[in-house]
């Protein structure tokens, strides 16, 4: 909102009231966005369907489902697949948060852009399969080279 065109006290008061209403509306939309993001759950599944991971809006795993196929695999492979699928689920968060931001505060708003950028940094959209080959990572679970 610009400066008041009317330099009288009444004009300034109207401008201030309009600015206050606008700020209040923006705060309400930001709170709505925050509430919706806090209720988000996103899932991903492995290519063979043996692992499904669901994360909440903060990226925390809230559900893990393992199919019968995992019984035929070594424990290390199962662990790596769980982590890959978890990262894939987390990577979906930025897209879902962008949808919520567009619907609440607006995709072009500074608030929406800042929140989406935070999720993009925390959970890159690069597929977990791109970071790790089918046969596992070049590092072990501690991040050390094999």
N, C-alpha and C. Protein backbone atom coordinates (compact mmCIF):
# COMPACT_ATOMS: atom_id res chain seq x y z
N UNK A 1 0.85 -1.16 0.00
CA UNK A 1 0.00 0.00 0.00
C UNK A 1 0.90 1.23 0.00
N UNK A 2 0.62 2.22 -0.81
CA UNK A 2 1.46 3.42 -0.93
C UNK A 2 1.20 4.40 0.18
N UNK A 3 1.73 5.60 -0.02
CA UNK A 3 1.53 6.65 0.98
C UNK A 3 0.17 7.28 0.75
N UNK A 4 -0.38 7.91 1.76
CA UNK A 4 -1.70 8.52 1.61
C UNK A 4 -1.66 9.66 0.60
N UNK A 5 -2.65 9.67 -0.29
CA UNK A 5 -2.75 10.76 -1.27
C UNK A 5 -3.30 12.01 -0.61
N UNK A 6 -4.10 11.82 0.37
CA UNK A 6 -4.73 12.92 1.09
C UNK A 6 -3.88 13.18 2.33
N UNK A 7 -3.26 14.34 2.41
CA UNK A 7 -2.35 14.64 3.52
C UNK A 7 -3.09 15.12 4.76
N UNK A 8 -4.41 15.09 4.73
CA UNK A 8 -5.15 15.49 5.93
C UNK A 8 -5.11 14.36 6.95
N UNK A 9 -5.51 14.67 8.16
CA UNK A 9 -5.54 13.66 9.22
C UNK A 9 -6.50 12.53 8.87
N UNK A 10 -7.64 12.88 8.25
CA UNK A 10 -8.61 11.84 7.87
C UNK A 10 -8.01 10.92 6.81
N UNK A 11 -7.30 11.49 5.86
CA UNK A 11 -6.68 10.68 4.81
C UNK A 11 -5.62 9.76 5.38
N UNK A 12 -4.81 10.28 6.28
CA UNK A 12 -3.77 9.46 6.90
C UNK A 12 -4.39 8.35 7.73
N UNK A 13 -5.47 8.67 8.40
CA UNK A 13 -6.15 7.67 9.23
C UNK A 13 -6.74 6.56 8.35
N UNK A 14 -7.33 6.93 7.22
CA UNK A 14 -7.88 5.93 6.29
C UNK A 14 -6.76 5.05 5.73
N UNK A 15 -5.64 5.68 5.39
CA UNK A 15 -4.51 4.91 4.86
C UNK A 15 -4.00 3.92 5.91
N UNK A 16 -3.86 4.39 7.15
CA UNK A 16 -3.38 3.53 8.22
C UNK A 16 -4.36 2.38 8.48
N UNK A 17 -5.64 2.66 8.46
CA UNK A 17 -6.64 1.61 8.67
C UNK A 17 -6.56 0.58 7.54
N UNK A 18 -6.40 1.04 6.30
CA UNK A 18 -6.27 0.12 5.17
C UNK A 18 -5.01 -0.72 5.27
N UNK A 19 -3.92 -0.11 5.66
CA UNK A 19 -2.67 -0.84 5.83
C UNK A 19 -2.82 -1.88 6.93
N UNK A 20 -3.44 -1.51 8.03
CA UNK A 20 -3.64 -2.43 9.15
C UNK A 20 -4.50 -3.62 8.74
N UNK A 21 -5.57 -3.38 7.99
CA UNK A 21 -6.42 -4.46 7.50
C UNK A 21 -5.64 -5.39 6.57
N UNK A 22 -4.83 -4.80 5.70
CA UNK A 22 -4.02 -5.60 4.78
C UNK A 22 -3.02 -6.47 5.53
N UNK A 23 -2.36 -5.89 6.51
CA UNK A 23 -1.39 -6.65 7.31
C UNK A 23 -2.08 -7.76 8.08
N UNK A 24 -3.25 -7.49 8.61
CA UNK A 24 -4.01 -8.50 9.35
C UNK A 24 -4.42 -9.64 8.42
N UNK A 25 -4.85 -9.31 7.22
CA UNK A 25 -5.24 -10.34 6.25
C UNK A 25 -4.03 -11.20 5.86
N UNK A 26 -2.87 -10.57 5.68
CA UNK A 26 -1.66 -11.32 5.34
C UNK A 26 -1.27 -12.26 6.47
N UNK A 27 -1.39 -11.79 7.70
CA UNK A 27 -1.08 -12.62 8.86
C UNK A 27 -2.03 -13.82 8.94
N UNK A 28 -3.29 -13.59 8.68
CA UNK A 28 -4.28 -14.67 8.69
C UNK A 28 -3.95 -15.71 7.63
N UNK A 29 -3.58 -15.27 6.42
CA UNK A 29 -3.22 -16.21 5.34
C UNK A 29 -1.94 -16.97 5.69
N UNK A 30 -0.98 -16.29 6.29
CA UNK A 30 0.26 -16.96 6.68
C UNK A 30 -0.01 -18.02 7.75
N UNK A 31 -0.89 -17.72 8.69
CA UNK A 31 -1.25 -18.70 9.72
C UNK A 31 -1.97 -19.89 9.10
N UNK A 32 -2.84 -19.64 8.13
CA UNK A 32 -3.53 -20.72 7.43
C UNK A 32 -2.53 -21.61 6.71
N UNK A 33 -1.54 -21.00 6.05
CA UNK A 33 -0.51 -21.77 5.38
C UNK A 33 0.24 -22.63 6.39
N UNK A 34 0.64 -22.05 7.49
CA UNK A 34 1.37 -22.78 8.52
C UNK A 34 0.55 -23.96 9.04
N UNK A 35 -0.72 -23.75 9.29
CA UNK A 35 -1.59 -24.82 9.78
C UNK A 35 -1.69 -25.95 8.76
N UNK A 36 -1.84 -25.61 7.49
CA UNK A 36 -1.96 -26.63 6.46
C UNK A 36 -0.66 -27.41 6.28
N UNK A 37 0.47 -26.72 6.31
CA UNK A 37 1.76 -27.40 6.18
C UNK A 37 1.97 -28.35 7.36
N UNK A 38 1.54 -27.95 8.55
CA UNK A 38 1.74 -28.81 9.72
C UNK A 38 0.90 -30.08 9.63
N UNK A 39 -0.14 -30.09 8.80
CA UNK A 39 -1.00 -31.27 8.65
C UNK A 39 -0.65 -32.11 7.42
N UNK A 40 0.36 -31.72 6.67
CA UNK A 40 0.72 -32.44 5.44
C UNK A 40 1.37 -33.78 5.77
N UNK A 41 0.98 -34.79 5.02
CA UNK A 41 1.64 -36.09 5.02
C UNK A 41 1.91 -36.45 3.57
N UNK A 42 3.13 -36.90 3.28
CA UNK A 42 3.53 -37.26 1.93
C UNK A 42 4.17 -38.64 1.97
N UNK A 43 3.82 -39.49 1.00
CA UNK A 43 4.36 -40.85 0.96
C UNK A 43 5.12 -41.10 -0.33
N UNK A 44 6.02 -42.05 -0.26
CA UNK A 44 6.74 -42.55 -1.44
C UNK A 44 6.89 -44.05 -1.27
N UNK A 45 6.98 -44.73 -2.42
CA UNK A 45 7.08 -46.19 -2.43
C UNK A 45 8.24 -46.60 -3.32
N UNK A 46 8.92 -47.66 -2.94
CA UNK A 46 10.02 -48.19 -3.76
C UNK A 46 9.46 -48.73 -5.08
N UNK A 47 10.33 -48.86 -6.06
CA UNK A 47 9.92 -49.32 -7.38
C UNK A 47 9.24 -50.68 -7.33
N UNK A 48 9.70 -51.56 -6.46
CA UNK A 48 9.10 -52.90 -6.39
C UNK A 48 7.95 -52.97 -5.38
N UNK A 49 7.63 -51.86 -4.74
CA UNK A 49 6.52 -51.82 -3.80
C UNK A 49 6.81 -52.41 -2.44
N UNK A 50 8.05 -52.79 -2.19
CA UNK A 50 8.38 -53.45 -0.93
C UNK A 50 8.55 -52.49 0.24
N UNK A 51 8.77 -51.21 -0.04
CA UNK A 51 8.98 -50.21 1.02
C UNK A 51 8.11 -49.00 0.73
N UNK A 52 7.36 -48.58 1.74
CA UNK A 52 6.58 -47.34 1.66
C UNK A 52 6.87 -46.52 2.90
N UNK A 53 7.20 -45.24 2.68
CA UNK A 53 7.52 -44.34 3.79
C UNK A 53 6.61 -43.12 3.68
N UNK A 54 6.05 -42.72 4.82
CA UNK A 54 5.24 -41.51 4.90
C UNK A 54 5.92 -40.55 5.86
N UNK A 55 6.05 -39.29 5.43
CA UNK A 55 6.63 -38.25 6.28
C UNK A 55 5.59 -37.16 6.51
N UNK A 56 5.75 -36.45 7.62
CA UNK A 56 4.85 -35.33 7.90
C UNK A 56 5.45 -34.03 7.38
N UNK A 57 4.80 -32.91 7.67
CA UNK A 57 5.23 -31.61 7.15
C UNK A 57 6.59 -31.16 7.60
N UNK A 58 7.13 -31.77 8.64
CA UNK A 58 8.49 -31.42 9.07
C UNK A 58 9.51 -32.40 8.52
N UNK A 59 9.06 -33.38 7.72
CA UNK A 59 9.97 -34.34 7.12
C UNK A 59 10.24 -35.56 7.98
N UNK A 60 9.58 -35.64 9.12
CA UNK A 60 9.77 -36.76 10.04
C UNK A 60 8.99 -37.98 9.56
N UNK A 61 9.62 -39.14 9.61
CA UNK A 61 8.93 -40.37 9.22
C UNK A 61 7.83 -40.66 10.24
N UNK A 62 6.60 -40.82 9.72
CA UNK A 62 5.48 -41.13 10.61
C UNK A 62 4.89 -42.51 10.33
N UNK A 63 5.30 -43.11 9.21
CA UNK A 63 4.83 -44.46 8.90
C UNK A 63 5.84 -45.14 7.99
N UNK A 64 6.05 -46.41 8.25
CA UNK A 64 6.95 -47.23 7.44
C UNK A 64 6.27 -48.58 7.24
N UNK A 65 6.12 -48.96 5.98
CA UNK A 65 5.50 -50.24 5.66
C UNK A 65 6.46 -51.06 4.81
N UNK A 66 6.64 -52.30 5.22
CA UNK A 66 7.53 -53.20 4.49
C UNK A 66 6.71 -54.37 3.98
N UNK A 67 6.87 -54.65 2.68
CA UNK A 67 6.17 -55.77 2.08
C UNK A 67 6.96 -57.06 2.23
N UNK A 68 6.34 -58.16 1.85
CA UNK A 68 6.97 -59.47 1.98
C UNK A 68 8.26 -59.60 1.19
N UNK A 69 8.41 -58.82 0.12
CA UNK A 69 9.62 -58.93 -0.69
C UNK A 69 10.90 -58.61 0.08
N UNK A 70 10.80 -57.82 1.14
CA UNK A 70 12.01 -57.44 1.89
C UNK A 70 12.64 -58.65 2.59
N UNK A 71 11.88 -59.69 2.83
CA UNK A 71 12.41 -60.88 3.51
C UNK A 71 13.49 -61.58 2.70
N UNK A 72 13.49 -61.35 1.40
CA UNK A 72 14.45 -62.01 0.52
C UNK A 72 15.71 -61.19 0.30
N UNK A 73 15.79 -60.03 0.96
CA UNK A 73 16.91 -59.12 0.72
C UNK A 73 17.78 -59.02 1.97
N UNK A 74 19.07 -58.75 1.76
CA UNK A 74 19.96 -58.53 2.91
C UNK A 74 19.53 -57.28 3.69
N UNK A 75 19.76 -57.30 4.98
CA UNK A 75 19.37 -56.20 5.85
C UNK A 75 19.95 -54.86 5.38
N UNK A 76 21.20 -54.86 4.94
CA UNK A 76 21.83 -53.61 4.48
C UNK A 76 21.09 -53.03 3.27
N UNK A 77 20.65 -53.88 2.36
CA UNK A 77 19.90 -53.41 1.18
C UNK A 77 18.55 -52.84 1.60
N UNK A 78 17.91 -53.49 2.56
CA UNK A 78 16.61 -53.00 3.05
C UNK A 78 16.79 -51.61 3.68
N UNK A 79 17.81 -51.48 4.49
CA UNK A 79 18.08 -50.18 5.14
C UNK A 79 18.32 -49.09 4.11
N UNK A 80 19.14 -49.39 3.10
CA UNK A 80 19.42 -48.40 2.06
C UNK A 80 18.15 -48.03 1.29
N UNK A 81 17.31 -49.02 1.02
CA UNK A 81 16.06 -48.75 0.29
C UNK A 81 15.12 -47.90 1.14
N UNK A 82 15.04 -48.17 2.41
CA UNK A 82 14.20 -47.34 3.30
C UNK A 82 14.68 -45.89 3.26
N UNK A 83 15.99 -45.68 3.35
CA UNK A 83 16.52 -44.31 3.32
C UNK A 83 16.25 -43.64 1.98
N UNK A 84 16.40 -44.37 0.88
CA UNK A 84 16.11 -43.80 -0.45
C UNK A 84 14.65 -43.38 -0.55
N UNK A 85 13.76 -44.25 -0.13
CA UNK A 85 12.33 -43.94 -0.21
C UNK A 85 11.97 -42.80 0.73
N UNK A 86 12.59 -42.75 1.92
CA UNK A 86 12.36 -41.65 2.84
C UNK A 86 12.76 -40.32 2.21
N UNK A 87 13.94 -40.28 1.57
CA UNK A 87 14.40 -39.04 0.92
C UNK A 87 13.48 -38.67 -0.23
N UNK A 88 12.96 -39.66 -0.93
CA UNK A 88 12.03 -39.38 -2.03
C UNK A 88 10.74 -38.77 -1.48
N UNK A 89 10.23 -39.29 -0.37
CA UNK A 89 9.03 -38.72 0.25
C UNK A 89 9.30 -37.30 0.73
N UNK A 90 10.44 -37.09 1.39
CA UNK A 90 10.79 -35.74 1.85
C UNK A 90 10.93 -34.77 0.69
N UNK A 91 11.47 -35.24 -0.43
CA UNK A 91 11.64 -34.37 -1.60
C UNK A 91 10.31 -33.90 -2.15
N UNK A 92 9.25 -34.67 -1.93
CA UNK A 92 7.91 -34.27 -2.39
C UNK A 92 7.34 -33.11 -1.57
N UNK A 93 7.88 -32.90 -0.38
CA UNK A 93 7.34 -31.86 0.50
C UNK A 93 7.38 -30.47 -0.13
N UNK A 94 8.48 -30.12 -0.78
CA UNK A 94 8.60 -28.77 -1.35
C UNK A 94 7.48 -28.50 -2.35
N UNK A 95 7.17 -29.48 -3.18
CA UNK A 95 6.08 -29.30 -4.15
C UNK A 95 4.74 -29.13 -3.48
N UNK A 96 4.50 -29.93 -2.46
CA UNK A 96 3.23 -29.84 -1.74
C UNK A 96 3.13 -28.51 -1.00
N UNK A 97 4.23 -28.08 -0.39
CA UNK A 97 4.24 -26.79 0.32
C UNK A 97 4.04 -25.64 -0.67
N UNK A 98 4.61 -25.75 -1.88
CA UNK A 98 4.41 -24.72 -2.90
C UNK A 98 2.94 -24.61 -3.28
N UNK A 99 2.24 -25.74 -3.37
CA UNK A 99 0.80 -25.72 -3.66
C UNK A 99 0.03 -25.02 -2.54
N UNK A 100 0.39 -25.35 -1.31
CA UNK A 100 -0.28 -24.73 -0.16
C UNK A 100 0.00 -23.23 -0.14
N UNK A 101 1.24 -22.83 -0.39
CA UNK A 101 1.59 -21.40 -0.40
C UNK A 101 0.80 -20.67 -1.48
N UNK A 102 0.70 -21.26 -2.66
CA UNK A 102 -0.04 -20.63 -3.75
C UNK A 102 -1.51 -20.43 -3.37
N UNK A 103 -2.08 -21.40 -2.67
CA UNK A 103 -3.49 -21.34 -2.29
C UNK A 103 -3.76 -20.42 -1.11
N UNK A 104 -2.75 -20.11 -0.32
CA UNK A 104 -2.98 -19.33 0.89
C UNK A 104 -2.39 -17.92 0.80
N UNK A 105 -1.08 -17.82 0.71
CA UNK A 105 -0.43 -16.50 0.71
C UNK A 105 -0.08 -16.01 -0.69
N UNK A 106 -0.16 -16.91 -1.67
CA UNK A 106 0.19 -16.55 -3.05
C UNK A 106 1.59 -17.02 -3.39
N UNK A 107 1.73 -17.62 -4.55
CA UNK A 107 3.01 -18.17 -4.98
C UNK A 107 4.08 -17.10 -5.14
N UNK A 108 3.68 -15.89 -5.47
CA UNK A 108 4.63 -14.81 -5.70
C UNK A 108 4.91 -13.97 -4.46
N UNK A 109 4.25 -14.30 -3.36
CA UNK A 109 4.45 -13.50 -2.15
C UNK A 109 5.83 -13.82 -1.55
N UNK A 110 6.37 -12.85 -0.85
CA UNK A 110 7.67 -13.06 -0.19
C UNK A 110 7.58 -14.19 0.83
N UNK A 111 6.48 -14.25 1.54
CA UNK A 111 6.29 -15.31 2.54
C UNK A 111 6.27 -16.68 1.88
N UNK A 112 5.46 -16.82 0.84
CA UNK A 112 5.37 -18.10 0.13
C UNK A 112 6.70 -18.52 -0.46
N UNK A 113 7.39 -17.60 -1.09
CA UNK A 113 8.69 -17.92 -1.69
C UNK A 113 9.72 -18.33 -0.64
N UNK A 114 9.71 -17.64 0.50
CA UNK A 114 10.67 -17.96 1.56
C UNK A 114 10.42 -19.34 2.15
N UNK A 115 9.16 -19.66 2.39
CA UNK A 115 8.83 -20.97 2.97
C UNK A 115 9.18 -22.09 2.00
N UNK A 116 8.80 -21.93 0.74
CA UNK A 116 9.10 -22.96 -0.27
C UNK A 116 10.61 -23.12 -0.42
N UNK A 117 11.34 -22.03 -0.46
CA UNK A 117 12.80 -22.10 -0.59
C UNK A 117 13.42 -22.86 0.58
N UNK A 118 12.89 -22.68 1.77
CA UNK A 118 13.38 -23.40 2.94
C UNK A 118 13.20 -24.90 2.76
N UNK A 119 12.03 -25.31 2.29
CA UNK A 119 11.78 -26.74 2.07
C UNK A 119 12.65 -27.28 0.94
N UNK A 120 12.86 -26.50 -0.09
CA UNK A 120 13.71 -26.94 -1.21
C UNK A 120 15.15 -27.15 -0.75
N UNK A 121 15.62 -26.30 0.16
CA UNK A 121 16.99 -26.47 0.69
C UNK A 121 17.08 -27.68 1.62
N UNK A 122 16.09 -27.85 2.47
CA UNK A 122 16.12 -28.96 3.43
C UNK A 122 15.94 -30.31 2.76
N UNK A 123 15.09 -30.37 1.76
CA UNK A 123 14.74 -31.63 1.11
C UNK A 123 14.83 -31.47 -0.40
N UNK A 124 16.03 -31.55 -0.95
CA UNK A 124 16.21 -31.36 -2.39
C UNK A 124 15.36 -32.34 -3.19
N UNK A 125 14.90 -31.90 -4.33
CA UNK A 125 14.02 -32.74 -5.16
C UNK A 125 14.79 -33.75 -6.00
N UNK A 126 16.12 -33.71 -5.94
CA UNK A 126 16.90 -34.72 -6.66
C UNK A 126 16.48 -36.08 -6.14
N UNK A 127 16.08 -36.95 -7.05
CA UNK A 127 15.58 -38.26 -6.65
C UNK A 127 16.64 -39.03 -5.87
N UNK A 128 16.21 -39.74 -4.87
CA UNK A 128 17.14 -40.53 -4.07
C UNK A 128 17.87 -41.54 -4.94
N UNK A 129 17.23 -42.03 -5.96
CA UNK A 129 17.89 -42.99 -6.85
C UNK A 129 19.04 -42.35 -7.62
N UNK A 130 19.00 -41.04 -7.82
CA UNK A 130 20.10 -40.34 -8.48
C UNK A 130 21.29 -40.22 -7.54
N UNK A 131 21.03 -40.15 -6.23
CA UNK A 131 22.10 -39.99 -5.25
C UNK A 131 22.76 -41.33 -4.93
N UNK A 132 22.03 -42.41 -5.08
CA UNK A 132 22.54 -43.73 -4.76
C UNK A 132 22.21 -44.67 -5.91
N UNK A 133 23.12 -45.52 -6.25
CA UNK A 133 22.85 -46.48 -7.31
C UNK A 133 21.95 -47.58 -6.79
N UNK A 134 21.49 -48.44 -7.68
CA UNK A 134 20.67 -49.59 -7.30
C UNK A 134 21.39 -50.47 -6.30
N UNK A 135 22.72 -50.49 -6.34
CA UNK A 135 23.49 -51.39 -5.49
C UNK A 135 24.02 -50.71 -4.25
N UNK A 136 23.50 -49.56 -3.94
CA UNK A 136 23.92 -48.90 -2.71
C UNK A 136 24.80 -47.70 -2.97
N UNK A 137 25.07 -47.02 -1.92
CA UNK A 137 25.85 -45.80 -1.97
C UNK A 137 27.34 -46.12 -1.93
N UNK A 138 28.13 -45.12 -2.27
CA UNK A 138 29.57 -45.27 -2.18
C UNK A 138 30.03 -45.07 -0.74
N UNK A 139 29.10 -44.75 0.15
CA UNK A 139 29.43 -44.58 1.56
C UNK A 139 28.56 -45.49 2.39
N UNK A 140 29.01 -45.82 3.59
CA UNK A 140 28.20 -46.63 4.48
C UNK A 140 27.24 -45.74 5.26
N UNK A 141 26.52 -46.32 6.19
CA UNK A 141 25.50 -45.58 6.93
C UNK A 141 26.07 -44.46 7.78
N UNK A 142 27.39 -44.49 8.04
CA UNK A 142 28.02 -43.43 8.82
C UNK A 142 28.58 -42.33 7.93
N UNK A 143 28.41 -42.47 6.59
CA UNK A 143 28.94 -41.49 5.66
C UNK A 143 30.37 -41.73 5.28
N UNK A 144 30.92 -42.88 5.67
CA UNK A 144 32.31 -43.22 5.37
C UNK A 144 32.38 -44.00 4.06
N UNK A 145 33.44 -43.79 3.32
CA UNK A 145 33.62 -44.53 2.07
C UNK A 145 33.77 -46.02 2.32
N UNK A 146 33.27 -46.81 1.35
CA UNK A 146 33.37 -48.27 1.49
C UNK A 146 34.64 -48.78 0.90
